[in-house]
Protein backbone atom coordinates (compact mmCIF):
# COMPACT_ATOMS: atom_id res chain seq x y z
CA MET A 1 115.11 169.04 90.57
CA LYS A 2 115.97 166.48 87.81
CA VAL A 3 115.09 162.96 89.29
CA ARG A 4 116.30 159.62 87.48
CA HIS A 5 114.33 156.23 87.44
CA GLY A 6 116.14 152.99 86.29
CA PHE A 7 119.93 152.72 85.79
CA ILE A 8 122.35 155.25 87.81
CA SER A 9 126.04 155.35 87.78
CA ASN A 10 128.58 157.70 88.60
CA SER A 11 131.99 159.06 87.10
CA SER A 12 133.99 156.42 89.03
CA SER A 13 132.33 153.75 87.87
CA SER A 14 131.01 152.15 84.45
CA SER A 15 128.66 148.98 83.48
CA PHE A 16 128.81 146.78 80.48
CA LEU A 17 126.28 144.75 78.74
CA ILE A 18 127.65 141.92 76.20
CA ILE A 19 125.59 139.59 74.22
CA GLY A 20 127.94 137.31 73.05
CA ALA A 21 130.52 134.91 74.45
CA LYS A 22 133.42 135.06 76.75
CA LEU A 23 136.48 135.12 74.66
CA THR A 24 138.58 131.98 74.32
CA ASP A 25 141.53 131.01 71.91
CA GLU A 26 138.97 129.26 69.80
CA ILE A 27 137.17 132.44 69.11
CA VAL A 28 140.09 134.41 68.47
CA GLU A 29 141.13 131.48 65.89
CA VAL A 30 137.93 131.88 64.18
CA VAL A 31 137.53 135.82 64.10
CA TRP A 32 141.40 136.97 63.44
CA PRO A 33 141.29 135.74 59.67
CA LYS A 34 138.27 137.63 59.00
CA ILE A 35 139.55 140.80 61.01
CA LYS A 36 142.68 140.62 59.44
CA SER A 37 141.06 140.18 55.81
CA LEU A 38 139.58 143.93 56.62
CA ILE A 39 142.60 145.78 57.74
CA SER A 40 144.61 147.09 54.99
CA ASP A 41 148.44 146.56 54.71
CA ASP A 42 149.15 150.29 55.81
CA ASP A 43 147.03 150.05 59.06
CA MET A 44 148.62 146.39 59.87
CA GLN A 45 152.13 147.81 59.51
CA GLU A 46 151.20 151.16 61.81
CA LEU A 47 149.42 148.39 64.33
CA ILE A 48 152.49 146.61 64.48
CA ASP A 49 154.82 149.77 64.52
CA ASP A 50 152.90 151.42 67.18
CA TYR A 51 151.88 148.37 69.56
CA ASP A 52 154.12 145.54 68.88
CA THR A 53 151.15 143.26 67.96
CA GLU A 54 152.82 141.36 64.99
CA ASP A 55 152.34 138.29 66.42
CA ASP A 56 149.48 138.45 68.99
CA PRO A 57 145.86 138.26 67.22
CA TRP A 58 144.59 138.16 70.56
CA GLN A 59 145.86 141.80 71.21
CA ILE A 60 144.45 143.21 67.96
CA VAL A 61 140.87 141.51 68.31
CA THR A 62 140.27 142.72 71.81
CA TRP A 63 142.14 146.01 71.63
CA TRP A 64 140.64 147.20 68.42
CA PRO A 65 136.66 146.20 68.16
CA ASN A 66 135.07 148.05 65.15
CA ILE A 67 138.26 148.44 63.47
CA SER A 68 136.05 148.32 60.23
CA SER A 69 132.41 148.91 59.66
CA LYS A 70 132.46 145.38 58.67
CA ALA A 71 133.16 144.03 62.05
CA PRO A 72 130.87 145.87 64.40
CA TYR A 73 131.75 144.23 67.62
CA ASN A 74 132.67 145.09 70.78
CA THR A 75 134.97 143.56 73.92
CA VAL A 76 135.18 144.36 77.54
CA ASN A 77 137.47 143.18 80.03
CA ASN A 78 136.43 142.98 83.85
CA ASP A 79 138.21 141.22 86.29
CA GLY A 80 140.36 139.40 84.09
CA ASP A 81 137.83 138.06 81.93
CA THR A 82 137.28 139.35 78.32
CA TYR A 83 133.89 139.12 76.72
CA ILE A 84 133.04 139.80 73.22
CA GLY A 85 129.81 140.02 71.00
CA TRP A 86 127.37 142.89 70.76
CA GLY A 87 127.32 145.85 73.35
CA GLY A 88 129.88 147.55 75.46
CA ILE A 89 130.97 149.60 78.32
CA ILE A 90 127.96 152.16 79.40
CA PHE A 91 128.59 155.50 80.77
CA ASP A 92 126.38 158.11 82.48
CA ASP A 93 126.45 159.81 79.21
CA ASP A 94 125.56 156.90 76.88
CA ILE A 95 122.39 155.94 78.92
CA SER A 96 119.44 156.64 76.40
CA GLU A 97 116.53 154.84 74.65
CA LYS A 98 117.88 154.59 71.45
CA PRO A 99 116.73 151.68 69.91
CA TYR A 100 118.43 148.79 68.36
CA LYS A 101 117.26 146.35 65.92
CA MET A 102 117.85 142.61 66.48
CA GLU A 103 119.61 142.57 63.06
CA GLU A 104 122.21 144.12 64.33
CA LEU A 105 122.81 141.98 67.09
CA GLN A 106 122.38 138.89 65.11
CA SER A 107 125.17 140.21 62.56
CA VAL A 108 127.47 140.82 65.12
CA LEU A 109 127.13 137.19 66.47
CA ASP A 110 127.16 135.84 62.87
CA PHE A 111 130.35 137.49 62.17
CA LEU A 112 131.89 136.21 65.69
CA GLU A 113 130.23 132.81 64.88
CA ILE A 114 128.71 132.91 68.28
CA LYS A 115 126.02 130.14 68.08
CA ASN A 116 124.87 130.24 71.59
CA PRO A 117 124.84 133.48 72.76
CA MET A 118 125.01 134.76 76.64
CA VAL A 119 124.18 138.12 78.25
CA PHE A 120 127.14 139.13 80.36
CA ASP A 121 126.81 142.19 82.64
CA GLY A 122 128.65 143.85 85.08
CA GLY A 123 130.17 146.95 86.58
CA TYR A 124 133.50 148.17 87.63
CA SER A 125 135.65 151.13 88.82
CA ASN A 126 137.63 153.28 86.05
């Protein structure tokens, strides 16, 4: 019999942990030019054609995190609020003891220009 200790979830729910900030228009204004500079013209045209995102930087920032290895952030939407930073959704299969370096976290916060990060966590049904 397998016994689990600590965090447990089931397939009907997931949890998230983000170290960063609640996403605001101000953060999108800071991040968007950086993201845009990392997207090739062909990829940008594909995003515009496939998802009608031409005039919506918020949509690209929130729907396509990690669009480049130079922009290794994540976003989570929970109860109408969006959080941006380091972390993301945690499913049952993702739970591990993988170590993360503080430099990884700091590089994401630096890219997003988040000066006073907070920890956001929660769960929601899929």
